[in-house]
Amino acid sequence: MSLHTRKRQSNDAVRASALIFAALGDDTRLRIVGRLSADGPTSIAGLTVGTGVTRQAITKHLQVLSDAGLARGQYVGRERVWELQRQPLNQARQALDSIAAQWDRALGRLKAFVERD
């Protein structure tokens, strides 16, 4: 694999992670992801119950989650049922793990520098 191809894939992964983090940066969307994770596939009506959020607002939030690859809707009869897509969450976790490892290395270097005799 060429250097150009690796850089492009890395940039694509960064862009995808940015979309995921932006989508998860909203309280309502984060609660929707939690509900889909706990309850499994759920209709918009089901996601609206007990939230104080309108169906229209839930629909808009689900579209953002869908655009980020975090949720997928499909019709079951007349009702659209939404399901959590776990792979993008795993991708986001890997990105955070990478950032955490970079910070750990940087803090290790700082510690070694400060503790030098």
N, C-alpha and C. Protein backbone atom coordinates (compact mmCIF):
# COMPACT_ATOMS: atom_id res chain seq x y z
N MET A 1 0.85 -1.17 0.00
CA MET A 1 0.00 0.00 0.00
C MET A 1 0.90 1.24 0.00
N SER A 2 0.56 2.18 -0.84
CA SER A 2 1.38 3.37 -0.97
C SER A 2 1.15 4.33 0.18
N LEU A 3 2.10 5.23 0.37
CA LEU A 3 1.99 6.25 1.41
C LEU A 3 0.76 7.12 1.17
N HIS A 4 0.51 7.46 -0.09
CA HIS A 4 -0.65 8.29 -0.44
C HIS A 4 -1.95 7.60 -0.04
N THR A 5 -2.04 6.30 -0.30
CA THR A 5 -3.24 5.54 0.04
C THR A 5 -3.43 5.49 1.54
N ARG A 6 -2.35 5.28 2.30
CA ARG A 6 -2.44 5.24 3.77
C ARG A 6 -2.88 6.58 4.33
N LYS A 7 -2.33 7.67 3.79
CA LYS A 7 -2.72 9.01 4.25
C LYS A 7 -4.19 9.28 3.96
N ARG A 8 -4.64 8.89 2.78
CA ARG A 8 -6.04 9.10 2.41
C ARG A 8 -6.96 8.31 3.33
N GLN A 9 -6.60 7.05 3.61
CA GLN A 9 -7.41 6.24 4.51
C GLN A 9 -7.42 6.83 5.92
N SER A 10 -6.28 7.34 6.35
CA SER A 10 -6.20 7.97 7.67
C SER A 10 -7.08 9.21 7.73
N ASN A 11 -7.03 10.03 6.68
CA ASN A 11 -7.88 11.23 6.62
C ASN A 11 -9.36 10.87 6.60
N ASP A 12 -9.71 9.81 5.87
CA ASP A 12 -11.10 9.36 5.83
C ASP A 12 -11.55 8.90 7.22
N ALA A 13 -10.68 8.19 7.93
CA ALA A 13 -11.02 7.72 9.28
C ALA A 13 -11.19 8.90 10.23
N VAL A 14 -10.35 9.92 10.09
CA VAL A 14 -10.45 11.11 10.94
C VAL A 14 -11.78 11.82 10.67
N ARG A 15 -12.13 11.99 9.39
CA ARG A 15 -13.39 12.64 9.04
C ARG A 15 -14.59 11.86 9.58
N ALA A 16 -14.55 10.54 9.44
CA ALA A 16 -15.64 9.70 9.93
C ALA A 16 -15.75 9.82 11.45
N SER A 17 -14.62 9.80 12.14
CA SER A 17 -14.63 9.94 13.60
C SER A 17 -15.17 11.31 14.00
N ALA A 18 -14.81 12.35 13.27
CA ALA A 18 -15.30 13.70 13.57
C ALA A 18 -16.82 13.75 13.46
N LEU A 19 -17.39 13.11 12.43
CA LEU A 19 -18.85 13.06 12.29
C LEU A 19 -19.49 12.33 13.46
N ILE A 20 -18.88 11.25 13.88
CA ILE A 20 -19.40 10.47 14.99
C ILE A 20 -19.39 11.30 16.27
N PHE A 21 -18.25 11.93 16.56
CA PHE A 21 -18.15 12.73 17.79
C PHE A 21 -19.09 13.92 17.75
N ALA A 22 -19.26 14.53 16.59
CA ALA A 22 -20.20 15.66 16.47
C ALA A 22 -21.62 15.18 16.74
N ALA A 23 -21.97 14.02 16.19
CA ALA A 23 -23.32 13.48 16.40
C ALA A 23 -23.55 13.15 17.87
N LEU A 24 -22.54 12.63 18.53
CA LEU A 24 -22.68 12.25 19.93
C LEU A 24 -22.55 13.44 20.87
N GLY A 25 -22.21 14.60 20.34
CA GLY A 25 -22.02 15.79 21.16
C GLY A 25 -23.31 16.45 21.61
N ASP A 26 -24.43 15.92 21.21
CA ASP A 26 -25.73 16.47 21.59
C ASP A 26 -26.38 15.55 22.62
N ASP A 27 -26.90 16.13 23.70
CA ASP A 27 -27.51 15.32 24.78
C ASP A 27 -28.64 14.43 24.27
N THR A 28 -29.51 14.98 23.45
CA THR A 28 -30.65 14.20 22.96
C THR A 28 -30.18 13.03 22.11
N ARG A 29 -29.23 13.28 21.23
CA ARG A 29 -28.73 12.18 20.39
C ARG A 29 -28.01 11.13 21.23
N LEU A 30 -27.28 11.57 22.24
CA LEU A 30 -26.59 10.63 23.12
C LEU A 30 -27.62 9.76 23.86
N ARG A 31 -28.73 10.36 24.29
CA ARG A 31 -29.79 9.58 24.94
C ARG A 31 -30.43 8.60 23.95
N ILE A 32 -30.61 9.03 22.71
CA ILE A 32 -31.18 8.13 21.69
C ILE A 32 -30.26 6.94 21.49
N VAL A 33 -28.97 7.19 21.39
CA VAL A 33 -28.00 6.09 21.22
C VAL A 33 -28.08 5.14 22.43
N GLY A 34 -28.19 5.70 23.62
CA GLY A 34 -28.33 4.88 24.81
C GLY A 34 -29.59 4.03 24.78
N ARG A 35 -30.70 4.63 24.35
CA ARG A 35 -31.96 3.88 24.27
C ARG A 35 -31.86 2.77 23.23
N LEU A 36 -31.30 3.09 22.06
CA LEU A 36 -31.17 2.07 21.02
C LEU A 36 -30.24 0.95 21.48
N SER A 37 -29.22 1.30 22.22
CA SER A 37 -28.28 0.30 22.73
C SER A 37 -28.96 -0.61 23.75
N ALA A 38 -29.73 -0.02 24.64
CA ALA A 38 -30.38 -0.79 25.70
C ALA A 38 -31.61 -1.55 25.21
N ASP A 39 -32.42 -0.90 24.37
CA ASP A 39 -33.72 -1.47 23.99
C ASP A 39 -33.70 -2.22 22.67
N GLY A 40 -32.66 -2.02 21.87
CA GLY A 40 -32.64 -2.62 20.55
C GLY A 40 -33.44 -1.78 19.56
N PRO A 41 -33.76 -2.33 18.40
CA PRO A 41 -34.48 -1.57 17.37
C PRO A 41 -35.79 -1.00 17.93
N THR A 42 -36.00 0.30 17.66
CA THR A 42 -37.13 1.02 18.24
C THR A 42 -37.70 1.99 17.21
N SER A 43 -39.01 2.17 17.27
CA SER A 43 -39.67 3.13 16.38
C SER A 43 -39.47 4.54 16.89
N ILE A 44 -39.77 5.50 16.05
CA ILE A 44 -39.70 6.91 16.45
C ILE A 44 -40.67 7.17 17.60
N ALA A 45 -41.85 6.58 17.51
CA ALA A 45 -42.82 6.75 18.59
C ALA A 45 -42.25 6.21 19.90
N GLY A 46 -41.60 5.06 19.84
CA GLY A 46 -40.99 4.48 21.04
C GLY A 46 -39.87 5.33 21.59
N LEU A 47 -39.10 5.94 20.70
CA LEU A 47 -37.99 6.80 21.13
C LEU A 47 -38.49 8.12 21.72
N THR A 48 -39.71 8.51 21.35
CA THR A 48 -40.27 9.77 21.82
C THR A 48 -40.85 9.66 23.23
N VAL A 49 -41.35 8.48 23.59
CA VAL A 49 -42.02 8.27 24.87
C VAL A 49 -41.11 8.68 26.04
N GLY A 50 -41.67 9.55 26.89
CA GLY A 50 -40.98 9.94 28.11
C GLY A 50 -39.85 10.93 27.94
N THR A 51 -39.68 11.49 26.75
CA THR A 51 -38.55 12.39 26.53
C THR A 51 -38.93 13.86 26.56
N GLY A 52 -40.19 14.17 26.27
CA GLY A 52 -40.59 15.57 26.15
C GLY A 52 -40.10 16.19 24.86
N VAL A 53 -39.65 15.36 23.92
CA VAL A 53 -39.15 15.81 22.62
C VAL A 53 -40.15 15.38 21.57
N THR A 54 -40.43 16.24 20.60
CA THR A 54 -41.40 15.92 19.56
C THR A 54 -40.87 14.85 18.61
N ARG A 55 -41.80 14.22 17.92
CA ARG A 55 -41.41 13.22 16.91
C ARG A 55 -40.55 13.86 15.82
N GLN A 56 -40.92 15.08 15.44
CA GLN A 56 -40.15 15.77 14.40
C GLN A 56 -38.70 15.99 14.86
N ALA A 57 -38.52 16.37 16.10
CA ALA A 57 -37.17 16.59 16.62
C ALA A 57 -36.40 15.27 16.69
N ILE A 58 -37.06 14.22 17.15
CA ILE A 58 -36.41 12.90 17.20
C ILE A 58 -36.01 12.47 15.80
N THR A 59 -36.88 12.72 14.83
CA THR A 59 -36.58 12.36 13.43
C THR A 59 -35.34 13.10 12.95
N LYS A 60 -35.23 14.38 13.26
CA LYS A 60 -34.04 15.16 12.84
C LYS A 60 -32.78 14.63 13.52
N HIS A 61 -32.88 14.30 14.80
CA HIS A 61 -31.72 13.75 15.51
C HIS A 61 -31.32 12.40 14.93
N LEU A 62 -32.31 11.58 14.59
CA LEU A 62 -32.00 10.28 13.99
C LEU A 62 -31.33 10.44 12.63
N GLN A 63 -31.69 11.48 11.89
CA GLN A 63 -31.05 11.72 10.59
C GLN A 63 -29.57 12.07 10.78
N VAL A 64 -29.27 12.86 11.80
CA VAL A 64 -27.87 13.20 12.10
C VAL A 64 -27.11 11.92 12.48
N LEU A 65 -27.72 11.09 13.32
CA LEU A 65 -27.08 9.83 13.70
C LEU A 65 -26.90 8.92 12.48
N SER A 66 -27.87 8.92 11.59
CA SER A 66 -27.76 8.13 10.37
C SER A 66 -26.65 8.64 9.46
N ASP A 67 -26.56 9.96 9.32
CA ASP A 67 -25.50 10.55 8.48
C ASP A 67 -24.11 10.21 9.01
N ALA A 68 -24.01 10.04 10.33
CA ALA A 68 -22.73 9.67 10.95
C ALA A 68 -22.51 8.17 10.95
N GLY A 69 -23.49 7.42 10.45
CA GLY A 69 -23.37 5.97 10.40
C GLY A 69 -23.71 5.27 11.70
N LEU A 70 -24.28 6.00 12.66
CA LEU A 70 -24.54 5.43 13.98
C LEU A 70 -25.90 4.74 14.09
N ALA A 71 -26.82 5.08 13.22
CA ALA A 71 -28.16 4.48 13.27
C ALA A 71 -28.65 4.20 11.85
N ARG A 72 -29.50 3.20 11.76
CA ARG A 72 -30.08 2.85 10.46
C ARG A 72 -31.55 2.60 10.67
N GLY A 73 -32.35 3.20 9.81
CA GLY A 73 -33.79 3.01 9.88
C GLY A 73 -34.28 2.17 8.72
N GLN A 74 -35.25 1.32 9.02
CA GLN A 74 -35.88 0.55 7.95
C GLN A 74 -37.35 0.38 8.29
N TYR A 75 -38.13 0.30 7.25
CA TYR A 75 -39.57 0.18 7.44
C TYR A 75 -39.95 -1.25 7.77
N VAL A 76 -40.78 -1.36 8.79
CA VAL A 76 -41.41 -2.63 9.15
C VAL A 76 -42.90 -2.34 9.09
N GLY A 77 -43.51 -2.73 8.00
CA GLY A 77 -44.89 -2.34 7.76
C GLY A 77 -44.95 -0.85 7.50
N ARG A 78 -45.79 -0.14 8.22
CA ARG A 78 -45.93 1.31 8.04
C ARG A 78 -45.01 2.09 8.97
N GLU A 79 -44.34 1.38 9.84
CA GLU A 79 -43.53 2.03 10.86
C GLU A 79 -42.04 1.93 10.54
N ARG A 80 -41.32 3.02 10.76
CA ARG A 80 -39.87 2.99 10.57
C ARG A 80 -39.21 2.66 11.90
N VAL A 81 -38.40 1.63 11.89
CA VAL A 81 -37.73 1.16 13.10
C VAL A 81 -36.25 1.48 12.96
N TRP A 82 -35.69 2.04 14.03
CA TRP A 82 -34.29 2.47 14.02
C TRP A 82 -33.44 1.52 14.86
N GLU A 83 -32.24 1.27 14.34
CA GLU A 83 -31.32 0.33 14.98
C GLU A 83 -29.95 0.98 15.10
N LEU A 84 -29.29 0.74 16.22
CA LEU A 84 -27.95 1.25 16.44
C LEU A 84 -26.94 0.47 15.60
N GLN A 85 -26.01 1.18 14.99
CA GLN A 85 -24.92 0.57 14.24
C GLN A 85 -23.67 0.65 15.12
N ARG A 86 -23.19 -0.46 15.61
CA ARG A 86 -22.12 -0.48 16.61
C ARG A 86 -20.72 -0.25 16.04
N GLN A 87 -20.51 -0.58 14.79
CA GLN A 87 -19.16 -0.44 14.20
C GLN A 87 -18.62 0.98 14.30
N PRO A 88 -19.40 2.01 13.98
CA PRO A 88 -18.87 3.37 14.12
C PRO A 88 -18.52 3.71 15.57
N LEU A 89 -19.26 3.17 16.52
CA LEU A 89 -18.91 3.40 17.93
C LEU A 89 -17.58 2.75 18.26
N ASN A 90 -17.34 1.57 17.71
CA ASN A 90 -16.04 0.91 17.91
C ASN A 90 -14.93 1.73 17.27
N GLN A 91 -15.20 2.30 16.12
CA GLN A 91 -14.22 3.15 15.43
C GLN A 91 -13.90 4.38 16.29
N ALA A 92 -14.92 4.98 16.88
CA ALA A 92 -14.71 6.15 17.73
C ALA A 92 -13.91 5.77 18.97
N ARG A 93 -14.20 4.61 19.53
CA ARG A 93 -13.44 4.13 20.69
C ARG A 93 -11.97 3.94 20.33
N GLN A 94 -11.69 3.40 19.16
CA GLN A 94 -10.31 3.22 18.71
C GLN A 94 -9.62 4.56 18.55
N ALA A 95 -10.33 5.55 18.03
CA ALA A 95 -9.75 6.89 17.89
C ALA A 95 -9.41 7.47 19.26
N LEU A 96 -10.32 7.31 20.22
CA LEU A 96 -10.04 7.80 21.58
C LEU A 96 -8.90 7.04 22.23
N ASP A 97 -8.82 5.74 22.00
CA ASP A 97 -7.71 4.95 22.54
C ASP A 97 -6.39 5.43 21.97
N SER A 98 -6.37 5.76 20.68
CA SER A 98 -5.15 6.26 20.04
C SER A 98 -4.74 7.60 20.65
N ILE A 99 -5.70 8.48 20.84
CA ILE A 99 -5.41 9.78 21.45
C ILE A 99 -4.91 9.60 22.87
N ALA A 100 -5.54 8.70 23.63
CA ALA A 100 -5.12 8.44 25.01
C ALA A 100 -3.69 7.91 25.05
N ALA A 101 -3.35 7.04 24.11
CA ALA A 101 -1.98 6.48 24.06
C ALA A 101 -0.97 7.59 23.75
N GLN A 102 -1.34 8.51 22.84
CA GLN A 102 -0.44 9.62 22.54
C GLN A 102 -0.21 10.48 23.78
N TRP A 103 -1.26 10.77 24.51
CA TRP A 103 -1.14 11.56 25.75
C TRP A 103 -0.30 10.82 26.78
N ASP A 104 -0.51 9.52 26.92
CA ASP A 104 0.28 8.74 27.87
C ASP A 104 1.76 8.81 27.54
N ARG A 105 2.09 8.70 26.24
CA ARG A 105 3.50 8.79 25.84
C ARG A 105 4.06 10.18 26.12
N ALA A 106 3.28 11.21 25.81
CA ALA A 106 3.73 12.59 26.05
C ALA A 106 3.93 12.84 27.54
N LEU A 107 3.00 12.37 28.36
CA LEU A 107 3.14 12.56 29.81
C LEU A 107 4.33 11.76 30.35
N GLY A 108 4.57 10.60 29.78
CA GLY A 108 5.74 9.80 30.17
C GLY A 108 7.04 10.53 29.86
N ARG A 109 7.09 11.16 28.68
CA ARG A 109 8.29 11.94 28.31
C ARG A 109 8.45 13.13 29.24
N LEU A 110 7.36 13.81 29.57
CA LEU A 110 7.42 14.94 30.48
C LEU A 110 7.87 14.51 31.86
N LYS A 111 7.35 13.41 32.34
CA LYS A 111 7.74 12.88 33.65
C LYS A 111 9.23 12.55 33.66
N ALA A 112 9.71 11.88 32.61
CA ALA A 112 11.13 11.54 32.53
C ALA A 112 11.99 12.79 32.52
N PHE A 113 11.54 13.82 31.80
CA PHE A 113 12.29 15.08 31.73
C PHE A 113 12.33 15.76 33.09
N VAL A 114 11.21 15.81 33.79
CA VAL A 114 11.14 16.49 35.08
C VAL A 114 11.94 15.75 36.14
N GLU A 115 11.95 14.43 36.07
CA GLU A 115 12.62 13.64 37.09
C GLU A 115 14.10 13.41 36.81
N ARG A 116 14.60 13.97 35.72
CA ARG A 116 16.03 13.79 35.41
C ARG A 116 16.87 14.43 36.49
N ASP A 117 18.01 13.85 36.75
CA ASP A 117 18.95 14.43 37.74
C ASP A 117 19.85 15.41 37.08
